[in-house]
Amino acid sequence: MADIVFYKDLSLDFTPHPVTGDVRPITNETAIRRSLMNLIKTRKGTRPFNPEYGCGISDYLFGYQQGFSEHDMKREILNSISTYEPRISVNQVNIKFEENDVKIDIAYTIKNINQFASISTVLTRAA
């Protein structure tokens, strides 16, 4: 029996279906995971027709702001997710500072299917 599809997005790598040649959609957990990764790694102001889309966390990390805290970074992540990813509710955000990197772990629940999931990503300053 096939899984029920609640959420469907287009894959950004545009991988064609081997038989039909159509672009394969990504569904449910995979769609949400990729959407979150895009949201966190997109700087605000980089989308021409949607300049508010994205997360301003890189401004804290790699800009010239002084006096920011881990709380400010978590608030920025939570605000971005609540605005642009209504399919989930965030359970926890953890931020760990390493030498030249910041590791971000986000635990969330997918609303319609009530499934727990998490993502991890590392932001690194490009030289």
PDB file of N, CA and C in Angstrom:
ATOM      1  N   MET A   1       0.837  -1.171   0.000  1.00  0.00           N
ATOM      2  CA  MET A   1       0.000   0.000   0.000  1.00  0.00           C
ATOM      3  C   MET A   1       0.886   1.239   0.000  1.00  0.00           C
ATOM      4  N   ALA A   2       0.572   2.211  -0.799  1.00  0.00           N
ATOM      5  CA  ALA A   2       1.386   3.412  -0.935  1.00  0.00           C
ATOM      6  C   ALA A   2       1.192   4.333   0.262  1.00  0.00           C
ATOM      7  N   ASP A   3       2.247   5.075   0.589  1.00  0.00           N
ATOM      8  CA  ASP A   3       2.155   6.056   1.660  1.00  0.00           C
ATOM      9  C   ASP A   3       1.276   7.213   1.223  1.00  0.00           C
ATOM     10  N   ILE A   4       0.581   7.796   2.192  1.00  0.00           N
ATOM     11  CA  ILE A   4      -0.239   8.972   1.906  1.00  0.00           C
ATOM     12  C   ILE A   4       0.681  10.171   1.792  1.00  0.00           C
ATOM     13  N   VAL A   5       0.498  10.956   0.755  1.00  0.00           N
ATOM     14  CA  VAL A   5       1.328  12.138   0.532  1.00  0.00           C
ATOM     15  C   VAL A   5       0.579  13.360   1.051  1.00  0.00           C
ATOM     16  N   PHE A   6       1.135  13.998   2.074  1.00  0.00           N
ATOM     17  CA  PHE A   6       0.548  15.215   2.608  1.00  0.00           C
ATOM     18  C   PHE A   6       1.211  16.452   2.028  1.00  0.00           C
ATOM     19  N   TYR A   7       2.511  16.380   1.808  1.00  0.00           N
ATOM     20  CA  TYR A   7       3.270  17.526   1.332  1.00  0.00           C
ATOM     21  C   TYR A   7       4.088  17.115   0.119  1.00  0.00           C
ATOM     22  N   LYS A   8       4.117  17.979  -0.888  1.00  0.00           N
ATOM     23  CA  LYS A   8       4.853  17.664  -2.099  1.00  0.00           C
ATOM     24  C   LYS A   8       5.522  18.939  -2.607  1.00  0.00           C
ATOM     25  N   ASP A   9       6.803  18.860  -2.914  1.00  0.00           N
ATOM     26  CA  ASP A   9       7.580  19.962  -3.475  1.00  0.00           C
ATOM     27  C   ASP A   9       8.341  19.442  -4.687  1.00  0.00           C
ATOM     28  N   LEU A  10       8.824  20.361  -5.497  1.00  0.00           N
ATOM     29  CA  LEU A  10       9.698  19.965  -6.598  1.00  0.00           C
ATOM     30  C   LEU A  10      11.130  19.874  -6.094  1.00  0.00           C
ATOM     31  N   SER A  11      11.828  18.885  -6.555  1.00  0.00           N
ATOM     32  CA  SER A  11      13.232  18.735  -6.201  1.00  0.00           C
ATOM     33  C   SER A  11      14.042  19.792  -6.940  1.00  0.00           C
ATOM     34  N   LEU A  12      14.936  20.440  -6.242  1.00  0.00           N
ATOM     35  CA  LEU A  12      15.732  21.496  -6.861  1.00  0.00           C
ATOM     36  C   LEU A  12      16.816  20.966  -7.784  1.00  0.00           C
ATOM     37  N   ASP A  13      17.111  19.670  -7.721  1.00  0.00           N
ATOM     38  CA  ASP A  13      18.099  19.129  -8.662  1.00  0.00           C
ATOM     39  C   ASP A  13      17.439  18.653  -9.965  1.00  0.00           C
ATOM     40  N   PHE A  14      16.099  18.748 -10.037  1.00  0.00           N
ATOM     41  CA  PHE A  14      15.334  18.439 -11.244  1.00  0.00           C
ATOM     42  C   PHE A  14      15.687  17.063 -11.831  1.00  0.00           C
ATOM     43  N   THR A  15      15.780  16.067 -10.969  1.00  0.00           N
ATOM     44  CA  THR A  15      16.046  14.707 -11.405  1.00  0.00           C
ATOM     45  C   THR A  15      14.822  14.164 -12.153  1.00  0.00           C
ATOM     46  N   PRO A  16      14.990  13.727 -13.395  1.00  0.00           N
ATOM     47  CA  PRO A  16      13.827  13.230 -14.146  1.00  0.00           C
ATOM     48  C   PRO A  16      13.441  11.810 -13.734  1.00  0.00           C
ATOM     49  N   HIS A  17      12.170  11.506 -13.854  1.00  0.00           N
ATOM     50  CA  HIS A  17      11.679  10.156 -13.626  1.00  0.00           C
ATOM     51  C   HIS A  17      12.216   9.282 -14.762  1.00  0.00           C
ATOM     52  N   PRO A  18      12.725   8.094 -14.470  1.00  0.00           N
ATOM     53  CA  PRO A  18      13.353   7.285 -15.523  1.00  0.00           C
ATOM     54  C   PRO A  18      12.399   6.847 -16.636  1.00  0.00           C
ATOM     55  N   VAL A  19      11.111   6.736 -16.354  1.00  0.00           N
ATOM     56  CA  VAL A  19      10.163   6.268 -17.366  1.00  0.00           C
ATOM     57  C   VAL A  19       9.462   7.432 -18.056  1.00  0.00           C
ATOM     58  N   THR A  20       8.901   8.344 -17.257  1.00  0.00           N
ATOM     59  CA  THR A  20       8.094   9.421 -17.838  1.00  0.00           C
ATOM     60  C   THR A  20       8.915  10.624 -18.270  1.00  0.00           C
ATOM     61  N   GLY A  21      10.076  10.816 -17.666  1.00  0.00           N
ATOM     62  CA  GLY A  21      10.896  11.980 -17.970  1.00  0.00           C
ATOM     63  C   GLY A  21      10.458  13.240 -17.237  1.00  0.00           C
ATOM     64  N   ASP A  22       9.381  13.161 -16.463  1.00  0.00           N
ATOM     65  CA  ASP A  22       8.910  14.303 -15.678  1.00  0.00           C
ATOM     66  C   ASP A  22       9.839  14.542 -14.493  1.00  0.00           C
ATOM     67  N   VAL A  23       9.827  15.755 -13.996  1.00  0.00           N
ATOM     68  CA  VAL A  23      10.598  16.068 -12.792  1.00  0.00           C
ATOM     69  C   VAL A  23       9.947  15.349 -11.617  1.00  0.00           C
ATOM     70  N   ARG A  24      10.768  14.643 -10.855  1.00  0.00           N
ATOM     71  CA  ARG A  24      10.252  13.887  -9.718  1.00  0.00           C
ATOM     72  C   ARG A  24       9.985  14.815  -8.542  1.00  0.00           C
ATOM     73  N   PRO A  25       8.798  14.713  -7.948  1.00  0.00           N
ATOM     74  CA  PRO A  25       8.546  15.504  -6.744  1.00  0.00           C
ATOM     75  C   PRO A  25       9.176  14.826  -5.529  1.00  0.00           C
ATOM     76  N   ILE A  26       9.401  15.609  -4.504  1.00  0.00           N
ATOM     77  CA  ILE A  26       9.814  15.063  -3.217  1.00  0.00           C
ATOM     78  C   ILE A  26       8.617  15.233  -2.285  1.00  0.00           C
ATOM     79  N   THR A  27       8.454  14.325  -1.356  1.00  0.00           N
ATOM     80  CA  THR A  27       7.244  14.329  -0.543  1.00  0.00           C
ATOM     81  C   THR A  27       7.552  14.281   0.948  1.00  0.00           C
ATOM     82  N   ASN A  28       6.562  14.643   1.709  1.00  0.00           N
ATOM     83  CA  ASN A  28       6.515  14.577   3.165  1.00  0.00           C
ATOM     84  C   ASN A  28       7.819  14.986   3.850  1.00  0.00           C
ATOM     85  N   GLU A  29       8.477  14.050   4.550  1.00  0.00           N
ATOM     86  CA  GLU A  29       9.648  14.389   5.362  1.00  0.00           C
ATOM     87  C   GLU A  29      10.779  14.979   4.524  1.00  0.00           C
ATOM     88  N   THR A  30      11.020  14.426   3.358  1.00  0.00           N
ATOM     89  CA  THR A  30      12.104  14.912   2.509  1.00  0.00           C
ATOM     90  C   THR A  30      11.823  16.333   2.033  1.00  0.00           C
ATOM     91  N   ALA A  31      10.586  16.614   1.670  1.00  0.00           N
ATOM     92  CA  ALA A  31      10.217  17.962   1.225  1.00  0.00           C
ATOM     93  C   ALA A  31      10.421  18.976   2.336  1.00  0.00           C
ATOM     94  N   ILE A  32      10.029  18.637   3.536  1.00  0.00           N
ATOM     95  CA  ILE A  32      10.159  19.565   4.660  1.00  0.00           C
ATOM     96  C   ILE A  32      11.625  19.736   5.042  1.00  0.00           C
ATOM     97  N   ARG A  33      12.386  18.660   5.055  1.00  0.00           N
ATOM     98  CA  ARG A  33      13.805  18.740   5.400  1.00  0.00           C
ATOM     99  C   ARG A  33      14.550  19.659   4.430  1.00  0.00           C
ATOM    100  N   ARG A  34      14.306  19.499   3.130  1.00  0.00           N
ATOM    101  CA  ARG A  34      14.974  20.364   2.143  1.00  0.00           C
ATOM    102  C   ARG A  34      14.519  21.804   2.251  1.00  0.00           C
ATOM    103  N   SER A  35      13.233  21.994   2.538  1.00  0.00           N
ATOM    104  CA  SER A  35      12.712  23.345   2.701  1.00  0.00           C
ATOM    105  C   SER A  35      13.376  24.046   3.892  1.00  0.00           C
ATOM    106  N   LEU A  36      13.533  23.334   4.990  1.00  0.00           N
ATOM    107  CA  LEU A  36      14.199  23.914   6.165  1.00  0.00           C
ATOM    108  C   LEU A  36      15.658  24.249   5.883  1.00  0.00           C
ATOM    109  N   MET A  37      16.349  23.347   5.207  1.00  0.00           N
ATOM    110  CA  MET A  37      17.754  23.612   4.884  1.00  0.00           C
ATOM    111  C   MET A  37      17.873  24.842   3.991  1.00  0.00           C
ATOM    112  N   ASN A  38      16.991  24.965   2.988  1.00  0.00           N
ATOM    113  CA  ASN A  38      17.003  26.147   2.128  1.00  0.00           C
ATOM    114  C   ASN A  38      16.718  27.409   2.928  1.00  0.00           C
ATOM    115  N   LEU A  39      15.760  27.335   3.828  1.00  0.00           N
ATOM    116  CA  LEU A  39      15.390  28.496   4.629  1.00  0.00           C
ATOM    117  C   LEU A  39      16.537  28.954   5.522  1.00  0.00           C
ATOM    118  N   ILE A  40      17.159  28.035   6.217  1.00  0.00           N
ATOM    119  CA  ILE A  40      18.244  28.384   7.149  1.00  0.00           C
ATOM    120  C   ILE A  40      19.465  28.917   6.401  1.00  0.00           C
ATOM    121  N   LYS A  41      19.778  28.354   5.249  1.00  0.00           N
ATOM    122  CA  LYS A  41      20.987  28.739   4.530  1.00  0.00           C
ATOM    123  C   LYS A  41      20.796  29.899   3.557  1.00  0.00           C
ATOM    124  N   THR A  42      19.579  30.409   3.417  1.00  0.00           N
ATOM    125  CA  THR A  42      19.326  31.538   2.527  1.00  0.00           C
ATOM    126  C   THR A  42      19.391  32.831   3.328  1.00  0.00           C
ATOM    127  N   ARG A  43      20.235  33.733   2.891  1.00  0.00           N
ATOM    128  CA  ARG A  43      20.338  35.040   3.548  1.00  0.00           C
ATOM    129  C   ARG A  43      19.181  35.919   3.118  1.00  0.00           C
ATOM    130  N   LYS A  44      18.641  36.669   4.048  1.00  0.00           N
ATOM    131  CA  LYS A  44      17.580  37.612   3.711  1.00  0.00           C
ATOM    132  C   LYS A  44      18.114  38.616   2.696  1.00  0.00           C
ATOM    133  N   GLY A  45      17.265  38.939   1.727  1.00  0.00           N
ATOM    134  CA  GLY A  45      17.645  39.903   0.709  1.00  0.00           C
ATOM    135  C   GLY A  45      18.244  39.301  -0.538  1.00  0.00           C
ATOM    136  N   THR A  46      18.424  37.990  -0.578  1.00  0.00           N
ATOM    137  CA  THR A  46      19.041  37.365  -1.750  1.00  0.00           C
ATOM    138  C   THR A  46      18.030  36.851  -2.764  1.00  0.00           C
ATOM    139  N   ARG A  47      16.770  36.818  -2.426  1.00  0.00           N
ATOM    140  CA  ARG A  47      15.728  36.400  -3.366  1.00  0.00           C
ATOM    141  C   ARG A  47      15.116  37.650  -3.997  1.00  0.00           C
ATOM    142  N   PRO A  48      15.262  37.850  -5.297  1.00  0.00           N
ATOM    143  CA  PRO A  48      14.825  39.093  -5.936  1.00  0.00           C
ATOM    144  C   PRO A  48      13.360  39.453  -5.719  1.00  0.00           C
ATOM    145  N   PHE A  49      12.450  38.506  -5.811  1.00  0.00           N
ATOM    146  CA  PHE A  49      11.040  38.835  -5.694  1.00  0.00           C
ATOM    147  C   PHE A  49      10.468  38.540  -4.320  1.00  0.00           C
ATOM    148  N   ASN A  50      11.309  38.096  -3.411  1.00  0.00           N
ATOM    149  CA  ASN A  50      10.893  37.841  -2.036  1.00  0.00           C
ATOM    150  C   ASN A  50      12.068  38.147  -1.109  1.00  0.00           C
ATOM    151  N   PRO A  51      12.416  39.422  -0.953  1.00  0.00           N
ATOM    152  CA  PRO A  51      13.630  39.776  -0.207  1.00  0.00           C
ATOM    153  C   PRO A  51      13.576  39.453   1.286  1.00  0.00           C
ATOM    154  N   GLU A  52      12.404  39.236   1.839  1.00  0.00           N
ATOM    155  CA  GLU A  52      12.305  38.912   3.263  1.00  0.00           C
ATOM    156  C   GLU A  52      12.488  37.419   3.538  1.00  0.00           C
ATOM    157  N   TYR A  53      12.459  36.592   2.481  1.00  0.00           N
ATOM    158  CA  TYR A  53      12.610  35.151   2.665  1.00  0.00           C
ATOM    159  C   TYR A  53      14.031  34.835   3.130  1.00  0.00           C
ATOM    160  N   GLY A  54      14.132  33.926   4.048  1.00  0.00           N
ATOM    161  CA  GLY A  54      15.432  33.471   4.507  1.00  0.00           C
ATOM    162  C   GLY A  54      15.580  33.636   6.000  1.00  0.00           C
ATOM    163  N   CYS A  55      16.778  33.438   6.450  1.00  0.00           N
ATOM    164  CA  CYS A  55      17.108  33.519   7.869  1.00  0.00           C
ATOM    165  C   CYS A  55      18.293  34.459   8.034  1.00  0.00           C
ATOM    166  N   GLY A  56      18.202  35.363   8.964  1.00  0.00           N
ATOM    167  CA  GLY A  56      19.263  36.345   9.165  1.00  0.00           C
ATOM    168  C   GLY A  56      20.363  35.889  10.091  1.00  0.00           C
ATOM    169  N   ILE A  57      20.492  34.591  10.292  1.00  0.00           N
ATOM    170  CA  ILE A  57      21.499  34.092  11.236  1.00  0.00           C
ATOM    171  C   ILE A  57      22.921  34.372  10.757  1.00  0.00           C
ATOM    172  N   SER A  58      23.150  34.359   9.468  1.00  0.00           N
ATOM    173  CA  SER A  58      24.501  34.611   8.968  1.00  0.00           C
ATOM    174  C   SER A  58      24.919  36.058   9.228  1.00  0.00           C
ATOM    175  N   ASP A  59      23.960  36.971   9.357  1.00  0.00           N
ATOM    176  CA  ASP A  59      24.301  38.346   9.722  1.00  0.00           C
ATOM    177  C   ASP A  59      24.898  38.414  11.123  1.00  0.00           C
ATOM    178  N   TYR A  60      24.384  37.586  12.021  1.00  0.00           N
ATOM    179  CA  TYR A  60      24.948  37.532  13.370  1.00  0.00           C
ATOM    180  C   TYR A  60      26.351  36.939  13.344  1.00  0.00           C
ATOM    181  N   LEU A  61      26.520  35.894  12.556  1.00  0.00           N
ATOM    182  CA  LEU A  61      27.773  35.152  12.585  1.00  0.00           C
ATOM    183  C   LEU A  61      28.895  35.813  11.815  1.00  0.00           C
ATOM    184  N   PHE A  62      28.566  36.338  10.637  1.00  0.00           N
ATOM    185  CA  PHE A  62      29.616  36.766   9.732  1.00  0.00           C
ATOM    186  C   PHE A  62      29.528  38.241   9.380  1.00  0.00           C
ATOM    187  N   GLY A  63      28.650  38.958  10.055  1.00  0.00           N
ATOM    188  CA  GLY A  63      28.538  40.395   9.821  1.00  0.00           C
ATOM    189  C   GLY A  63      29.339  41.160  10.860  1.00  0.00           C
ATOM    190  N   TYR A  64      28.976  42.398  11.027  1.00  0.00           N
ATOM    191  CA  TYR A  64      29.711  43.244  11.967  1.00  0.00           C
ATOM    192  C   TYR A  64      28.903  43.577  13.204  1.00  0.00           C
ATOM    193  N   GLN A  65      27.856  42.805  13.470  1.00  0.00           N
ATOM    194  CA  GLN A  65      27.060  43.039  14.669  1.00  0.00           C
ATOM    195  C   GLN A  65      27.844  42.589  15.892  1.00  0.00           C
ATOM    196  N   GLN A  66      27.782  43.398  16.912  1.00  0.00           N
ATOM    197  CA  GLN A  66      28.435  43.026  18.162  1.00  0.00           C
ATOM    198  C   GLN A  66      27.371  42.865  19.232  1.00  0.00           C
ATOM    199  N   GLY A  67      27.661  42.050  20.208  1.00  0.00           N
ATOM    200  CA  GLY A  67      26.772  41.884  21.336  1.00  0.00           C
ATOM    201  C   GLY A  67      25.597  40.955  21.083  1.00  0.00           C
ATOM    202  N   PHE A  68      25.667  40.102  20.094  1.00  0.00           N
ATOM    203  CA  PHE A  68      24.577  39.157  19.879  1.00  0.00           C
ATOM    204  C   PHE A  68      24.763  37.972  20.810  1.00  0.00           C
ATOM    205  N   SER A  69      23.671  37.274  21.036  1.00  0.00           N
ATOM    206  CA  SER A  69      23.731  36.110  21.914  1.00  0.00           C
ATOM    207  C   SER A  69      23.139  34.895  21.207  1.00  0.00           C
ATOM    208  N   GLU A  70      23.329  33.764  21.814  1.00  0.00           N
ATOM    209  CA  GLU A  70      22.747  32.531  21.295  1.00  0.00           C
ATOM    210  C   GLU A  70      21.221  32.646  21.262  1.00  0.00           C
ATOM    211  N   HIS A  71      20.665  33.339  22.241  1.00  0.00           N
ATOM    212  CA  HIS A  71      19.220  33.559  22.286  1.00  0.00           C
ATOM    213  C   HIS A  71      18.742  34.333  21.053  1.00  0.00           C
ATOM    214  N   ASP A  72      19.490  35.351  20.647  1.00  0.00           N
ATOM    215  CA  ASP A  72      19.127  36.128  19.451  1.00  0.00           C
ATOM    216  C   ASP A  72      19.129  35.249  18.208  1.00  0.00           C
ATOM    217  N   MET A  73      20.107  34.372  18.108  1.00  0.00           N
ATOM    218  CA  MET A  73      20.209  33.481  16.953  1.00  0.00           C
ATOM    219  C   MET A  73      19.050  32.489  16.928  1.00  0.00           C
ATOM    220  N   LYS A  74      18.713  31.925  18.086  1.00  0.00           N
ATOM    221  CA  LYS A  74      17.582  31.002  18.155  1.00  0.00           C
ATOM    222  C   LYS A  74      16.283  31.711  17.784  1.00  0.00           C
ATOM    223  N   ARG A  75      16.114  32.936  18.270  1.00  0.00           N
ATOM    224  CA  ARG A  75      14.913  33.708  17.957  1.00  0.00           C
ATOM    225  C   ARG A  75      14.810  33.959  16.449  1.00  0.00           C
ATOM    226  N   GLU A  76      15.922  34.263  15.794  1.00  0.00           N
ATOM    227  CA  GLU A  76      15.937  34.483  14.348  1.00  0.00           C
ATOM    228  C   GLU A  76      15.526  33.220  13.594  1.00  0.00           C
ATOM    229  N   ILE A  77      16.036  32.081  14.013  1.00  0.00           N
ATOM    230  CA  ILE A  77      15.680  30.805  13.390  1.00  0.00           C
ATOM    231  C   ILE A  77      14.204  30.507  13.594  1.00  0.00           C
ATOM    232  N   LEU A  78      13.723  30.652  14.813  1.00  0.00           N
ATOM    233  CA  LEU A  78      12.319  30.370  15.106  1.00  0.00           C
ATOM    234  C   LEU A  78      11.378  31.304  14.346  1.00  0.00           C
ATOM    235  N   ASN A  79      11.729  32.584  14.245  1.00  0.00           N
ATOM    236  CA  ASN A  79      10.893  33.529  13.497  1.00  0.00           C
ATOM    237  C   ASN A  79      10.831  33.160  12.018  1.00  0.00           C
ATOM    238  N   SER A  80      11.962  32.794  11.437  1.00  0.00           N
ATOM    239  CA  SER A  80      11.985  32.409  10.028  1.00  0.00           C
ATOM    240  C   SER A  80      11.152  31.163   9.780  1.00  0.00           C
ATOM    241  N   ILE A  81      11.303  30.176  10.641  1.00  0.00           N
ATOM    242  CA  ILE A  81      10.554  28.931  10.468  1.00  0.00           C
ATOM    243  C   ILE A  81       9.059  29.168  10.649  1.00  0.00           C
ATOM    244  N   SER A  82       8.673  29.922  11.662  1.00  0.00           N
ATOM    245  CA  SER A  82       7.241  30.144  11.880  1.00  0.00           C
ATOM    246  C   SER A  82       6.616  30.947  10.746  1.00  0.00           C
ATOM    247  N   THR A  83       7.398  31.799  10.087  1.00  0.00           N
ATOM    248  CA  THR A  83       6.884  32.602   8.983  1.00  0.00           C
ATOM    249  C   THR A  83       6.806  31.809   7.684  1.00  0.00           C
ATOM    250  N   TYR A  84       7.832  31.018   7.370  1.00  0.00           N
ATOM    251  CA  TYR A  84       7.940  30.416   6.044  1.00  0.00           C
ATOM    252  C   TYR A  84       7.766  28.898   5.996  1.00  0.00           C
ATOM    253  N   GLU A  85       7.617  28.243   7.126  1.00  0.00           N
ATOM    254  CA  GLU A  85       7.426  26.786   7.113  1.00  0.00           C
ATOM    255  C   GLU A  85       6.298  26.405   8.073  1.00  0.00           C
ATOM    256  N   PRO A  86       5.043  26.648   7.663  1.00  0.00           N
ATOM    257  CA  PRO A  86       3.897  26.374   8.547  1.00  0.00           C
ATOM    258  C   PRO A  86       3.575  24.886   8.706  1.00  0.00           C
ATOM    259  N   ARG A  87       4.262  24.013   7.984  1.00  0.00           N
ATOM    260  CA  ARG A  87       3.964  22.588   8.044  1.00  0.00           C
ATOM    261  C   ARG A  87       4.527  21.909   9.277  1.00  0.00           C
ATOM    262  N   ILE A  88       5.344  22.625  10.055  1.00  0.00           N
ATOM    263  CA  ILE A  88       5.972  22.013  11.230  1.00  0.00           C
ATOM    264  C   ILE A  88       5.784  22.877  12.466  1.00  0.00           C
ATOM    265  N   SER A  89       5.981  22.259  13.620  1.00  0.00           N
ATOM    266  CA  SER A  89       6.120  23.001  14.871  1.00  0.00           C
ATOM    267  C   SER A  89       7.476  22.620  15.455  1.00  0.00           C
ATOM    268  N   VAL A  90       8.233  23.621  15.832  1.00  0.00           N
ATOM    269  CA  VAL A  90       9.599  23.403  16.321  1.00  0.00           C
ATOM    270  C   VAL A  90       9.559  23.007  17.786  1.00  0.00           C
ATOM    271  N   ASN A  91      10.244  21.930  18.113  1.00  0.00           N
ATOM    272  CA  ASN A  91      10.348  21.467  19.493  1.00  0.00           C
ATOM    273  C   ASN A  91      11.564  22.056  20.188  1.00  0.00           C
ATOM    274  N   GLN A  92      12.685  22.113  19.465  1.00  0.00           N
ATOM    275  CA  GLN A  92      13.925  22.552  20.093  1.00  0.00           C
ATOM    276  C   GLN A  92      14.918  23.016  19.039  1.00  0.00           C
ATOM    277  N   VAL A  93      15.674  24.053  19.381  1.00  0.00           N
ATOM    278  CA  VAL A  93      16.775  24.527  18.541  1.00  0.00           C
ATOM    279  C   VAL A  93      18.024  24.550  19.409  1.00  0.00           C
ATOM    280  N   ASN A  94      19.064  23.873  18.970  1.00  0.00           N
ATOM    281  CA  ASN A  94      20.355  23.879  19.670  1.00  0.00           C
ATOM    282  C   ASN A  94      21.411  24.481  18.756  1.00  0.00           C
ATOM    283  N   ILE A  95      22.224  25.344  19.332  1.00  0.00           N
ATOM    284  CA  ILE A  95      23.309  25.977  18.593  1.00  0.00           C
ATOM    285  C   ILE A  95      24.603  25.680  19.339  1.00  0.00           C
ATOM    286  N   LYS A  96      25.590  25.181  18.597  1.00  0.00           N
ATOM    287  CA  LYS A  96      26.881  24.865  19.198  1.00  0.00           C
ATOM    288  C   LYS A  96      27.967  25.584  18.404  1.00  0.00           C
ATOM    289  N   PHE A  97      28.739  26.405  19.093  1.00  0.00           N
ATOM    290  CA  PHE A  97      29.829  27.141  18.459  1.00  0.00           C
ATOM    291  C   PHE A  97      31.080  26.278  18.465  1.00  0.00           C
ATOM    292  N   GLU A  98      31.664  26.136  17.299  1.00  0.00           N
ATOM    293  CA  GLU A  98      32.923  25.425  17.178  1.00  0.00           C
ATOM    294  C   GLU A  98      33.969  26.414  16.698  1.00  0.00           C
ATOM    295  N   GLU A  99      35.136  25.964  16.336  1.00  0.00           N
ATOM    296  CA  GLU A  99      36.242  26.865  16.021  1.00  0.00           C
ATOM    297  C   GLU A  99      35.877  27.928  14.983  1.00  0.00           C
ATOM    298  N   ASN A 100      35.549  27.534  13.766  1.00  0.00           N
ATOM    299  CA  ASN A 100      35.150  28.481  12.726  1.00  0.00           C
ATOM    300  C   ASN A 100      33.745  28.205  12.210  1.00  0.00           C
ATOM    301  N   ASP A 101      33.031  27.363  12.911  1.00  0.00           N
ATOM    302  CA  ASP A 101      31.726  26.918  12.454  1.00  0.00           C
ATOM    303  C   ASP A 101      30.683  27.113  13.542  1.00  0.00           C
ATOM    304  N   VAL A 102      29.441  27.014  13.118  1.00  0.00           N
ATOM    305  CA  VAL A 102      28.323  26.966  14.040  1.00  0.00           C
ATOM    306  C   VAL A 102      27.451  25.799  13.614  1.00  0.00           C
ATOM    307  N   LYS A 103      27.200  24.876  14.540  1.00  0.00           N
ATOM    308  CA  LYS A 103      26.355  23.720  14.255  1.00  0.00           C
ATOM    309  C   LYS A 103      24.955  24.019  14.785  1.00  0.00           C
ATOM    310  N   ILE A 104      23.967  23.809  13.926  1.00  0.00           N
ATOM    311  CA  ILE A 104      22.581  24.074  14.286  1.00  0.00           C
ATOM    312  C   ILE A 104      21.803  22.764  14.200  1.00  0.00           C
ATOM    313  N   ASP A 105      21.133  22.409  15.290  1.00  0.00           N
ATOM    314  CA  ASP A 105      20.266  21.235  15.337  1.00  0.00           C
ATOM    315  C   ASP A 105      18.848  21.708  15.611  1.00  0.00           C
ATOM    316  N   ILE A 106      17.911  21.265  14.774  1.00  0.00           N
ATOM    317  CA  ILE A 106      16.516  21.652  14.937  1.00  0.00           C
ATOM    318  C   ILE A 106      15.679  20.386  15.027  1.00  0.00           C
ATOM    319  N   ALA A 107      14.947  20.243  16.127  1.00  0.00           N
ATOM    320  CA  ALA A 107      14.020  19.129  16.306  1.00  0.00           C
ATOM    321  C   ALA A 107      12.612  19.683  16.110  1.00  0.00           C
ATOM    322  N   TYR A 108      11.806  18.977  15.326  1.00  0.00           N
ATOM    323  CA  TYR A 108      10.478  19.488  15.001  1.00  0.00           C
ATOM    324  C   TYR A 108       9.493  18.341  14.826  1.00  0.00           C
ATOM    325  N   THR A 109       8.216  18.702  14.807  1.00  0.00           N
ATOM    326  CA  THR A 109       7.139  17.754  14.565  1.00  0.00           C
ATOM    327  C   THR A 109       6.397  18.182  13.312  1.00  0.00           C
ATOM    328  N   ILE A 110       6.189  17.252  12.390  1.00  0.00           N
ATOM    329  CA  ILE A 110       5.417  17.531  11.180  1.00  0.00           C
ATOM    330  C   ILE A 110       3.948  17.476  11.564  1.00  0.00           C
ATOM    331  N   LYS A 111       3.234  18.568  11.307  1.00  0.00           N
ATOM    332  CA  LYS A 111       1.889  18.740  11.847  1.00  0.00           C
ATOM    333  C   LYS A 111       0.873  17.705  11.386  1.00  0.00           C
ATOM    334  N   ASN A 112       0.649  17.538  10.094  1.00  0.00           N
ATOM    335  CA  ASN A 112      -0.435  16.664   9.632  1.00  0.00           C
ATOM    336  C   ASN A 112      -0.220  15.195   9.950  1.00  0.00           C
ATOM    337  N   ILE A 113       1.023  14.765   9.967  1.00  0.00           N
ATOM    338  CA  ILE A 113       1.270  13.346  10.214  1.00  0.00           C
ATOM    339  C   ILE A 113       1.828  13.088  11.609  1.00  0.00           C
ATOM    340  N   ASN A 114       1.959  14.160  12.403  1.00  0.00           N
ATOM    341  CA  ASN A 114       2.399  14.068  13.798  1.00  0.00           C
ATOM    342  C   ASN A 114       3.645  13.200  13.938  1.00  0.00           C
ATOM    343  N   GLN A 115       4.628  13.490  13.099  1.00  0.00           N
ATOM    344  CA  GLN A 115       5.870  12.713  13.096  1.00  0.00           C
ATOM    345  C   GLN A 115       7.023  13.590  13.540  1.00  0.00           C
ATOM    346  N   PHE A 116       7.833  13.061  14.431  1.00  0.00           N
ATOM    347  CA  PHE A 116       9.019  13.766  14.913  1.00  0.00           C
ATOM    348  C   PHE A 116      10.147  13.612  13.908  1.00  0.00           C
ATOM    349  N   ALA A 117      10.897  14.689  13.682  1.00  0.00           N
ATOM    350  CA  ALA A 117      12.058  14.645  12.793  1.00  0.00           C
ATOM    351  C   ALA A 117      13.053  15.699  13.265  1.00  0.00           C
ATOM    352  N   SER A 118      14.251  15.652  12.704  1.00  0.00           N
ATOM    353  CA  SER A 118      15.256  16.654  13.055  1.00  0.00           C
ATOM    354  C   SER A 118      16.218  16.838  11.888  1.00  0.00           C
ATOM    355  N   ILE A 119      16.858  18.000  11.882  1.00  0.00           N
ATOM    356  CA  ILE A 119      17.913  18.275  10.910  1.00  0.00           C
ATOM    357  C   ILE A 119      19.092  18.869  11.635  1.00  0.00           C
ATOM    358  N   SER A 120      20.252  18.714  11.043  1.00  0.00           N
ATOM    359  CA  SER A 120      21.482  19.323  11.535  1.00  0.00           C
ATOM    360  C   SER A 120      22.199  19.937  10.357  1.00  0.00           C
ATOM    361  N   THR A 121      22.775  21.096  10.583  1.00  0.00           N
ATOM    362  CA  THR A 121      23.561  21.734   9.556  1.00  0.00           C
ATOM    363  C   THR A 121      24.688  22.517  10.195  1.00  0.00           C
ATOM    364  N   VAL A 122      25.718  22.768   9.438  1.00  0.00           N
ATOM    365  CA  VAL A 122      26.861  23.526   9.921  1.00  0.00           C
ATOM    366  C   VAL A 122      27.042  24.736   9.000  1.00  0.00           C
ATOM    367  N   LEU A 123      27.131  25.900   9.610  1.00  0.00           N
ATOM    368  CA  LEU A 123      27.416  27.116   8.858  1.00  0.00           C
ATOM    369  C   LEU A 123      28.887  27.445   9.042  1.00  0.00           C
ATOM    370  N   THR A 124      29.572  27.627   7.933  1.00  0.00           N
ATOM    371  CA  THR A 124      30.998  27.910   7.956  1.00  0.00           C
ATOM    372  C   THR A 124      31.252  29.207   7.209  1.00  0.00           C
ATOM    373  N   ARG A 125      32.124  30.003   7.751  1.00  0.00           N
ATOM    374  CA  ARG A 125      32.489  31.240   7.070  1.00  0.00           C
ATOM    375  C   ARG A 125      33.368  30.911   5.869  1.00  0.00           C
ATOM    376  N   ALA A 126      32.957  31.389   4.688  1.00  0.00           N
ATOM    377  CA  ALA A 126      33.760  31.161   3.492  1.00  0.00           C
ATOM    378  C   ALA A 126      34.944  32.101   3.498  1.00  0.00           C
ATOM    379  N   ALA A 127      36.071  31.599   3.071  1.00  0.00           N
ATOM    380  CA  ALA A 127      37.283  32.408   3.076  1.00  0.00           C
ATOM    381  C   ALA A 127      37.315  33.372   1.907  1.00  0.00           C
TER     382      ALA A 127
END
